[in-house]
Amino acid sequence: MRFRLTLTVILALALAGVFFYAGPSAAQEERDDPELAAKANEYVKQKFPITYDFFTENNDEGQPRRVHDLIFRPGVSFPMIVWEKWHGDWKTDRFGLDRQRYIGYDRAGESVTNPMFPPDRDAGGVPLESRNWIEMPWDDPDVCAQHPEKVKDPNLDNPSLSDPEIIARMRHGLKLTAGLNGYAFTAETEKSPLYQNPQRYIHVYIPPSPGVWGMGVIFRREGNSVWYMSVPMAPPFPDFAVRLDPPEREAKPGDEVSFTLTVSFAGLWDPSDGGRVYLAHKVGDRLYPVPFSLNGRQSQVDEKLGAAYVDVFPGADCNLQTQIAVHAQEVSSAVAAGIVPGWDLGGEFFPAEWYDADLSNNWTEAAVIVDQPNLKVRNLTLDPNPASPGDAVAARAEIVNEGSQDVT
């Protein structure tokens, strides 16, 4: 547990540096795609409580439909169907990239936030679930009073929605917006009402469809004010996983014990997708690096964490395996393994722990159970029994070793 908690703290600090590419070139895109819009309309009518075509040629304000490519990072982009042009102010991020605030307009004629635009307020690594998120915001009087333009059309909102595809898209969006806005997203976040029932918190104003991003928004109370945060509904994220086999081994102190480490990559978006794989021997409350090699790379040591690691970018879905070994100590211990998803950006690993369809399989441990003496006292007799003060008492007992290690 300490292995994972320590790493989570380190990553929470890194999340404040999450960056994406959505620069001026993306803002200059001008095109429509009637075929894509027609497919999206049919999908939306199947998944949401409406019977009309959502992505009409013109919106309620007469603005023309447009398909803009939302660039997630270099080489990875997805279309989003909106109306009219990119607009709004520009902000330069810490890496010198310019981004425009709005990607276009929605069906009602209100601006659609560019999810890659740097946030006006960074969360500073606090857990996403710690905020006071508002349930069913489209019916909340404070939301409607302070942000009426954000909840004009509640026709897509359905607090009873149970479609697994849409729920998954909403959950991926929460992971993404956490990273974009500097929130920590962990396994605890996945247990929260916000993540378990996102349809009760996310107001959808651009519905998603296969291969096409959607857009929603969530609201939170802070004093007398209501703040909002965009939730881009992205396609399913990749899944990164680690496993150690067997789950436990028995040994005597000093024995070498081996395990098979399997690292899985599934549903990668781009060859630059990958992860940093960590390995450590956990003895008591201490971590010790376990050297290993994976995908042709030899591990390095993270001195601060106390673990060995290898950055792996396999280029395609696969399962990678390697054999690792540790020596049994005087007490039982465990081998801990984990993977932090991320990207290869210019030869540097950039962590994005939330960029994963299932966080629960990112960490695992295998036990090293040490054989030890297990002494028990049987058949204890006292003579005399009972005794009086000052009496000499003889005690006899049978001591049995029920452990697997001899007593010397």
Protein backbone atom coordinates (compact mmCIF):
# COMPACT_ATOMS: atom_id res chain seq x y z
CA MET A 1 0.00 0.00 0.00
CA ARG A 2 2.81 2.43 0.85
CA PHE A 3 4.28 1.83 -2.61
CA ARG A 4 1.08 2.97 -4.28
CA LEU A 5 0.34 5.84 -1.89
CA THR A 6 3.84 7.27 -2.24
CA LEU A 7 3.64 7.12 -6.01
CA THR A 8 0.18 8.71 -6.02
CA VAL A 9 1.53 11.72 -4.12
CA ILE A 10 4.33 12.12 -6.64
CA LEU A 11 1.88 11.90 -9.53
CA ALA A 12 -0.55 14.37 -7.96
CA LEU A 13 2.22 16.96 -8.19
CA ALA A 14 2.89 15.98 -11.80
CA LEU A 15 -0.76 16.37 -12.78
CA ALA A 16 -0.45 20.13 -12.49
CA GLY A 17 1.84 19.93 -15.51
CA VAL A 18 -0.55 18.01 -17.80
CA PHE A 19 -0.52 19.58 -21.23
CA PHE A 20 -2.14 18.95 -24.59
CA TYR A 21 -1.77 20.43 -28.02
CA ALA A 22 -4.64 22.45 -29.49
CA GLY A 23 -2.89 25.34 -31.13
CA PRO A 24 -3.66 27.89 -33.83
CA SER A 25 -3.58 25.32 -36.65
CA ALA A 26 -6.57 23.54 -35.10
CA ALA A 27 -8.48 26.80 -34.79
CA GLN A 28 -8.18 27.40 -38.55
CA GLU A 29 -10.08 24.22 -39.51
CA GLU A 30 -13.23 24.98 -41.57
CA ARG A 31 -15.25 21.99 -42.81
CA ASP A 32 -18.54 20.15 -42.53
CA ASP A 33 -19.12 16.41 -42.80
CA PRO A 34 -22.81 15.58 -43.48
CA GLU A 35 -22.14 11.82 -43.45
CA LEU A 36 -20.46 11.97 -40.03
CA ALA A 37 -23.30 14.15 -38.72
CA ALA A 38 -25.94 11.72 -40.04
CA LYS A 39 -24.28 8.77 -38.31
CA ALA A 40 -23.97 10.79 -35.11
CA ASN A 41 -27.66 11.74 -35.24
CA GLU A 42 -28.76 8.10 -35.45
CA TYR A 43 -26.49 7.14 -32.57
CA VAL A 44 -27.72 10.01 -30.38
CA LYS A 45 -31.37 9.03 -30.93
CA GLN A 46 -30.54 5.50 -29.79
CA LYS A 47 -28.64 6.57 -26.68
CA PHE A 48 -30.40 9.72 -25.46
CA PRO A 49 -34.06 10.59 -24.74
CA ILE A 50 -34.66 12.52 -27.99
CA THR A 51 -36.34 11.59 -31.30
CA TYR A 52 -35.08 14.45 -33.50
CA ASP A 53 -31.80 14.99 -35.36
CA PHE A 54 -29.50 16.82 -32.99
CA PHE A 55 -26.71 17.84 -35.37
CA THR A 56 -28.74 19.90 -37.83
CA GLU A 57 -27.17 21.81 -40.71
CA ASN A 58 -27.74 25.04 -38.77
CA ASN A 59 -28.30 25.56 -35.06
CA ASP A 60 -31.07 27.56 -33.39
CA GLU A 61 -29.17 30.78 -34.09
CA GLY A 62 -28.68 29.96 -37.77
CA GLN A 63 -24.98 29.23 -37.41
CA PRO A 64 -23.56 26.62 -39.82
CA ARG A 65 -22.50 23.17 -38.63
CA ARG A 66 -18.77 22.56 -38.49
CA VAL A 67 -16.50 19.60 -37.70
CA HIS A 68 -13.38 20.67 -35.86
CA ASP A 69 -10.45 18.38 -35.13
CA LEU A 70 -9.64 18.45 -31.44
CA ILE A 71 -5.94 17.66 -31.10
CA PHE A 72 -5.36 15.61 -27.99
CA ARG A 73 -1.59 15.56 -28.42
CA PRO A 74 0.78 15.39 -31.41
CA GLY A 75 -0.44 12.71 -33.79
CA VAL A 76 -3.69 12.04 -31.90
CA SER A 77 -6.85 13.97 -32.77
CA PHE A 78 -10.59 13.38 -32.77
CA PRO A 79 -13.45 15.22 -34.50
CA MET A 80 -16.06 17.22 -32.61
CA ILE A 81 -19.29 18.40 -34.25
CA VAL A 82 -20.25 21.96 -33.31
CA TRP A 83 -21.54 25.05 -35.09
CA GLU A 84 -19.64 28.06 -36.42
CA LYS A 85 -15.98 28.94 -35.87
CA TRP A 86 -13.45 28.71 -33.08
CA HIS A 87 -13.53 31.94 -31.07
CA GLY A 88 -12.66 33.64 -27.79
CA ASP A 89 -9.45 34.75 -26.19
CA TRP A 90 -6.13 32.99 -26.42
CA LYS A 91 -3.95 31.71 -23.63
CA THR A 92 -0.38 30.52 -23.86
CA ASP A 93 0.41 27.55 -21.70
CA ARG A 94 3.65 26.96 -19.82
CA PHE A 95 5.15 25.31 -22.89
CA GLY A 96 4.51 28.28 -25.17
CA LEU A 97 1.54 26.75 -27.03
CA ASP A 98 -1.37 29.06 -27.89
CA ARG A 99 -4.92 27.80 -27.34
CA GLN A 100 -8.28 29.39 -28.09
CA ARG A 101 -10.99 29.30 -25.43
CA TYR A 102 -13.99 28.06 -27.46
CA ILE A 103 -14.18 25.39 -30.14
CA GLY A 104 -17.49 26.68 -31.56
CA TYR A 105 -21.15 26.96 -30.54
CA ASP A 106 -23.71 24.41 -29.38
CA ARG A 107 -27.21 23.75 -30.75
CA ALA A 108 -28.69 26.60 -28.67
CA GLY A 109 -26.02 29.04 -29.87
CA GLU A 110 -23.91 29.08 -26.70
CA SER A 111 -20.13 28.78 -26.74
CA VAL A 112 -18.56 25.31 -26.46
CA THR A 113 -15.47 25.35 -24.26
CA ASN A 114 -12.25 24.03 -25.72
CA PRO A 115 -11.35 21.33 -23.15
CA MET A 116 -7.65 21.78 -23.90
CA PHE A 117 -7.70 25.48 -22.94
CA PRO A 118 -5.57 26.00 -19.80
CA PRO A 119 -7.84 26.30 -16.74
CA ASP A 120 -8.52 29.70 -15.17
CA ARG A 121 -8.07 28.04 -11.76
CA ASP A 122 -5.82 25.03 -11.24
CA ALA A 123 -6.98 22.59 -8.54
CA GLY A 124 -3.45 22.05 -7.25
CA GLY A 125 -3.68 18.27 -6.88
CA VAL A 126 -6.72 18.02 -4.58
CA PRO A 127 -8.85 14.87 -5.09
CA LEU A 128 -11.62 15.33 -7.65
CA GLU A 129 -14.23 13.82 -5.32
CA SER A 130 -13.44 16.31 -2.55
CA ARG A 131 -15.35 19.16 -4.20
CA ASN A 132 -19.03 19.90 -3.58
CA TRP A 133 -20.34 18.77 -6.96
CA ILE A 134 -24.01 19.55 -7.64
CA GLU A 135 -26.34 16.70 -8.46
CA MET A 136 -28.77 17.26 -11.37
CA PRO A 137 -27.45 20.79 -12.00
CA TRP A 138 -29.96 21.44 -14.80
CA ASP A 139 -32.64 21.61 -12.06
CA ASP A 140 -30.58 23.49 -9.48
CA PRO A 141 -31.78 27.08 -8.92
CA ASP A 142 -28.28 28.40 -8.14
CA VAL A 143 -26.85 26.92 -11.33
CA CYS A 144 -29.74 28.23 -13.40
CA ALA A 145 -29.39 31.70 -11.83
CA GLN A 146 -25.59 32.03 -12.10
CA HIS A 147 -24.96 30.11 -15.34
CA PRO A 148 -28.24 30.08 -17.34
CA GLU A 149 -26.34 29.91 -20.63
CA LYS A 150 -24.75 26.60 -19.58
CA VAL A 151 -28.01 24.70 -19.00
CA LYS A 152 -30.28 26.06 -21.74
CA ASP A 153 -31.15 22.68 -23.20
CA PRO A 154 -31.64 19.80 -20.70
CA ASN A 155 -33.15 17.44 -23.30
CA LEU A 156 -30.09 15.20 -23.33
CA ASP A 157 -29.95 14.92 -19.54
CA ASN A 158 -31.28 11.74 -17.98
CA PRO A 159 -30.44 10.95 -14.32
CA SER A 160 -31.73 7.40 -14.89
CA LEU A 161 -29.52 6.77 -17.91
CA SER A 162 -27.90 3.33 -17.74
CA ASP A 163 -26.43 2.83 -21.21
CA PRO A 164 -22.94 1.39 -20.57
CA GLU A 165 -21.33 3.13 -23.56
CA ILE A 166 -22.46 6.61 -22.51
CA ILE A 167 -21.66 5.99 -18.84
CA ALA A 168 -18.16 4.88 -19.89
CA ARG A 169 -17.70 8.00 -22.03
CA MET A 170 -18.72 10.18 -19.09
CA ARG A 171 -16.29 8.40 -16.78
CA HIS A 172 -13.45 8.77 -19.25
CA GLY A 173 -14.35 12.46 -19.45
CA LEU A 174 -14.07 12.83 -15.67
CA LYS A 175 -10.60 11.27 -15.75
CA LEU A 176 -9.55 13.56 -18.56
CA THR A 177 -10.91 16.75 -17.02
CA ALA A 178 -9.24 15.87 -13.71
CA GLY A 179 -5.88 15.79 -15.45
CA LEU A 180 -6.58 18.94 -17.47
CA ASN A 181 -7.59 20.93 -14.40
CA GLY A 182 -5.00 19.73 -11.91
CA TYR A 183 -7.15 17.35 -9.84
CA ALA A 184 -5.88 14.07 -8.41
CA PHE A 185 -7.77 11.07 -9.79
CA THR A 186 -7.21 7.81 -7.88
CA ALA A 187 -8.93 4.54 -7.08
CA GLU A 188 -10.79 6.42 -4.31
CA THR A 189 -12.22 8.79 -6.91
CA GLU A 190 -13.67 5.80 -8.74
CA LYS A 191 -15.72 4.94 -5.64
CA SER A 192 -17.32 8.39 -5.42
CA PRO A 193 -20.95 9.15 -6.39
CA LEU A 194 -19.67 11.50 -9.09
CA TYR A 195 -17.85 8.66 -10.85
CA GLN A 196 -20.31 5.88 -10.07
CA ASN A 197 -23.33 7.87 -11.32
CA PRO A 198 -21.93 10.52 -13.66
CA GLN A 199 -25.27 10.88 -15.49
CA ARG A 200 -26.65 12.58 -12.37
CA TYR A 201 -23.93 15.26 -12.36
CA ILE A 202 -22.89 15.89 -15.97
CA HIS A 203 -25.06 18.19 -18.07
CA VAL A 204 -24.57 17.03 -21.68
CA TYR A 205 -24.79 19.72 -24.35
CA ILE A 206 -22.79 18.11 -27.18
CA PRO A 207 -23.56 14.36 -27.28
CA PRO A 208 -20.75 11.94 -28.15
CA SER A 209 -20.86 9.31 -30.88
CA PRO A 210 -18.44 6.60 -32.05
CA GLY A 211 -15.07 8.22 -32.74
CA VAL A 212 -16.51 11.70 -32.11
CA TRP A 213 -16.00 13.67 -28.90
CA GLY A 214 -18.92 15.03 -26.92
CA MET A 215 -19.03 17.74 -24.29
CA GLY A 216 -20.63 18.13 -20.90
CA VAL A 217 -20.20 20.30 -17.83
CA ILE A 218 -20.29 19.79 -14.07
CA PHE A 219 -20.91 22.39 -11.37
CA ARG A 220 -19.75 22.81 -7.79
CA ARG A 221 -20.58 25.12 -4.91
CA GLU A 222 -17.92 27.22 -3.24
CA GLY A 223 -19.45 29.57 -0.69
CA ASN A 224 -22.20 31.52 -2.45
CA SER A 225 -20.67 30.96 -5.87
CA VAL A 226 -21.15 28.19 -8.42
CA TRP A 227 -18.16 27.16 -10.50
CA TYR A 228 -18.28 24.97 -13.57
CA MET A 229 -15.81 22.64 -15.27
CA SER A 230 -16.04 21.14 -18.76
CA VAL A 231 -16.18 17.37 -19.16
CA PRO A 232 -15.05 16.24 -22.64
CA MET A 233 -16.58 12.86 -23.41
CA ALA A 234 -13.69 11.08 -25.08
CA PRO A 235 -13.57 7.64 -26.69
CA PRO A 236 -12.57 4.79 -24.34
CA PHE A 237 -9.08 5.10 -22.92
CA PRO A 238 -6.49 2.32 -23.28
CA ASP A 239 -6.10 -0.21 -20.48
CA PHE A 240 -2.74 -0.76 -18.82
CA ALA A 241 -2.27 -3.64 -16.38
CA VAL A 242 0.38 -5.53 -14.39
CA ARG A 243 0.33 -9.02 -12.89
CA LEU A 244 2.75 -11.10 -10.80
CA ASP A 245 2.67 -14.90 -10.92
CA PRO A 246 2.42 -16.85 -8.73
CA PRO A 247 0.62 -14.65 -6.18
CA GLU A 248 2.82 -16.03 -3.36
CA ARG A 249 5.86 -18.19 -2.70
CA GLU A 250 7.22 -19.82 0.46
CA ALA A 251 10.93 -19.72 1.21
CA LYS A 252 13.57 -19.81 3.92
CA PRO A 253 15.62 -16.71 4.77
CA GLY A 254 18.26 -16.17 2.10
CA ASP A 255 16.50 -18.26 -0.57
CA GLU A 256 16.09 -16.71 -4.02
CA VAL A 257 12.47 -16.66 -5.17
CA SER A 258 11.30 -15.79 -8.66
CA PHE A 259 8.11 -14.40 -10.16
CA THR A 260 6.82 -13.69 -13.66
CA LEU A 261 5.90 -10.06 -14.29
CA THR A 262 3.32 -9.53 -17.05
CA VAL A 263 2.57 -6.03 -18.36
CA SER A 264 -0.44 -5.62 -20.65
CA PHE A 265 -1.29 -2.84 -23.11
CA ALA A 266 -4.75 -2.84 -24.72
CA GLY A 267 -6.63 -0.33 -26.87
CA LEU A 268 -3.69 2.05 -27.40
CA TRP A 269 -4.62 5.27 -29.18
CA ASP A 270 -1.17 5.93 -30.60
CA PRO A 271 2.33 4.37 -30.74
CA SER A 272 3.47 7.02 -28.26
CA ASP A 273 1.17 5.49 -25.59
CA GLY A 274 2.93 3.51 -22.90
CA GLY A 275 3.80 3.53 -19.27
CA ARG A 276 6.45 3.56 -16.56
CA VAL A 277 6.63 0.13 -14.93
CA TYR A 278 7.80 0.06 -11.31
CA LEU A 279 9.14 -2.85 -9.26
CA ALA A 280 10.16 -2.97 -5.60
CA HIS A 281 10.71 -5.43 -2.75
CA LYS A 282 8.62 -4.33 0.23
CA VAL A 283 10.10 -5.41 3.57
CA GLY A 284 8.27 -3.98 6.54
CA ASP A 285 7.78 -0.29 5.80
CA ARG A 286 10.81 -0.06 3.47
CA LEU A 287 11.00 -0.34 -0.30
CA TYR A 288 14.03 -1.70 -2.14
CA PRO A 289 14.52 -1.51 -5.94
CA VAL A 290 14.35 -4.82 -7.81
CA PRO A 291 16.40 -4.67 -11.04
CA PHE A 292 14.68 -6.04 -14.13
CA SER A 293 14.54 -5.67 -17.90
CA LEU A 294 11.46 -5.30 -20.10
CA ASN A 295 11.00 -4.87 -23.84
CA GLY A 296 14.77 -4.72 -24.29
CA ARG A 297 15.30 -1.98 -21.69
CA GLN A 298 17.18 -2.28 -18.41
CA SER A 299 15.65 -0.70 -15.32
CA GLN A 300 16.77 2.51 -13.64
CA VAL A 301 16.28 3.45 -9.99
CA ASP A 302 13.94 6.07 -8.58
CA GLU A 303 15.84 6.90 -5.39
CA LYS A 304 13.00 8.98 -3.95
CA LEU A 305 10.46 6.20 -4.34
CA GLY A 306 12.79 3.29 -3.64
CA ALA A 307 11.81 1.36 -6.76
CA ALA A 308 13.28 0.30 -10.08
CA TYR A 309 11.48 1.37 -13.25
CA VAL A 310 11.45 0.94 -17.03
CA ASP A 311 9.66 3.21 -19.52
CA VAL A 312 7.85 1.08 -22.10
CA PHE A 313 6.23 2.24 -25.36
CA PRO A 314 5.41 -0.98 -27.24
CA GLY A 315 3.82 0.72 -30.27
CA ALA A 316 0.86 -1.68 -30.37
CA ASP A 317 -1.37 -3.75 -28.08
CA CYS A 318 0.59 -6.57 -26.48
CA ASN A 319 1.53 -8.51 -23.35
CA LEU A 320 5.15 -8.27 -22.22
CA GLN A 321 6.72 -10.68 -19.72
CA THR A 322 9.93 -10.90 -17.75
CA GLN A 323 11.30 -12.96 -14.88
CA ILE A 324 12.25 -11.18 -11.65
CA ALA A 325 13.91 -12.50 -8.48
CA VAL A 326 14.33 -11.39 -4.87
CA HIS A 327 15.87 -12.97 -1.78
CA ALA A 328 13.68 -13.96 1.15
CA GLN A 329 14.38 -11.97 4.30
CA GLU A 330 14.11 -12.93 7.97
CA VAL A 331 10.46 -11.91 7.87
CA SER A 332 7.74 -12.28 5.27
CA SER A 333 7.74 -9.59 2.59
CA ALA A 334 6.15 -8.75 -0.78
CA VAL A 335 7.12 -7.87 -4.32
CA ALA A 336 5.19 -4.78 -5.51
CA ALA A 337 4.68 -3.91 -9.17
CA GLY A 338 2.80 -1.08 -10.86
CA ILE A 339 2.41 0.86 -14.06
CA VAL A 340 1.79 4.59 -14.52
CA PRO A 341 0.26 5.31 -17.96
CA GLY A 342 1.79 8.10 -19.98
CA TRP A 343 3.27 9.14 -23.28
CA ASP A 344 6.57 9.39 -25.06
CA LEU A 345 6.82 13.11 -25.84
CA GLY A 346 10.07 13.88 -27.56
CA GLY A 347 11.92 11.04 -25.87
CA GLU A 348 10.69 12.00 -22.39
CA PHE A 349 8.11 10.10 -20.34
CA PHE A 350 5.11 12.23 -19.43
CA PRO A 351 2.89 10.67 -16.72
CA ALA A 352 -0.92 10.63 -17.00
CA GLU A 353 -2.21 8.21 -14.36
CA TRP A 354 -5.85 8.95 -15.22
CA TYR A 355 -5.30 7.91 -18.87
CA ASP A 356 -6.51 4.36 -18.20
CA ALA A 357 -9.82 2.55 -18.64
CA ASP A 358 -9.33 0.57 -15.41
CA LEU A 359 -7.09 1.82 -12.60
CA SER A 360 -7.72 -1.22 -10.42
CA ASN A 361 -5.30 -3.46 -12.35
CA ASN A 362 -2.40 -0.99 -12.39
CA TRP A 363 -0.92 -2.27 -9.11
CA THR A 364 -0.29 -5.68 -7.66
CA GLU A 365 1.73 -7.50 -5.00
CA ALA A 366 3.04 -11.04 -4.60
CA ALA A 367 3.82 -12.38 -1.14
CA VAL A 368 7.13 -13.91 -0.05
CA ILE A 369 6.18 -16.04 2.93
CA VAL A 370 9.16 -16.94 5.09
CA ASP A 371 9.23 -20.29 6.89
CA GLN A 372 9.74 -19.60 10.62
CA PRO A 373 9.63 -21.58 13.83
CA ASN A 374 6.19 -21.62 15.42
CA LEU A 375 6.64 -22.71 19.03
CA LYS A 376 3.61 -23.69 21.11
CA VAL A 377 3.39 -24.89 24.70
CA ARG A 378 1.29 -27.97 25.42
CA ASN A 379 0.48 -30.10 28.47
CA LEU A 380 1.64 -27.64 31.11
CA THR A 381 1.62 -29.17 34.60
CA LEU A 382 2.45 -27.65 37.98
CA ASP A 383 3.45 -29.58 41.11
CA PRO A 384 2.08 -28.84 43.62
CA ASN A 385 -1.08 -27.37 42.17
CA PRO A 386 -2.48 -25.41 43.88
CA ALA A 387 0.52 -24.06 45.77
CA SER A 388 0.86 -21.94 48.87
CA PRO A 389 3.01 -18.83 49.25
CA GLY A 390 6.65 -19.85 49.66
CA ASP A 391 6.22 -23.33 48.08
CA ALA A 392 8.69 -24.53 45.46
CA VAL A 393 6.75 -25.33 42.30
CA ALA A 394 7.96 -27.65 39.56
CA ALA A 395 6.61 -26.97 36.05
CA ARG A 396 6.70 -29.40 33.18
CA ALA A 397 5.60 -28.63 29.62
CA GLU A 398 5.81 -30.00 26.11
CA ILE A 399 7.08 -27.42 23.59
CA VAL A 400 6.14 -28.19 19.99
CA ASN A 401 7.45 -26.48 16.81
CA GLU A 402 4.51 -26.27 14.39
CA GLY A 403 6.51 -24.18 11.93
CA SER A 404 8.42 -25.46 8.93
CA GLN A 405 11.82 -24.13 10.01
CA ASP A 406 13.90 -26.05 12.55
CA VAL A 407 14.80 -24.50 15.89
CA THR A 408 18.53 -24.42 16.61
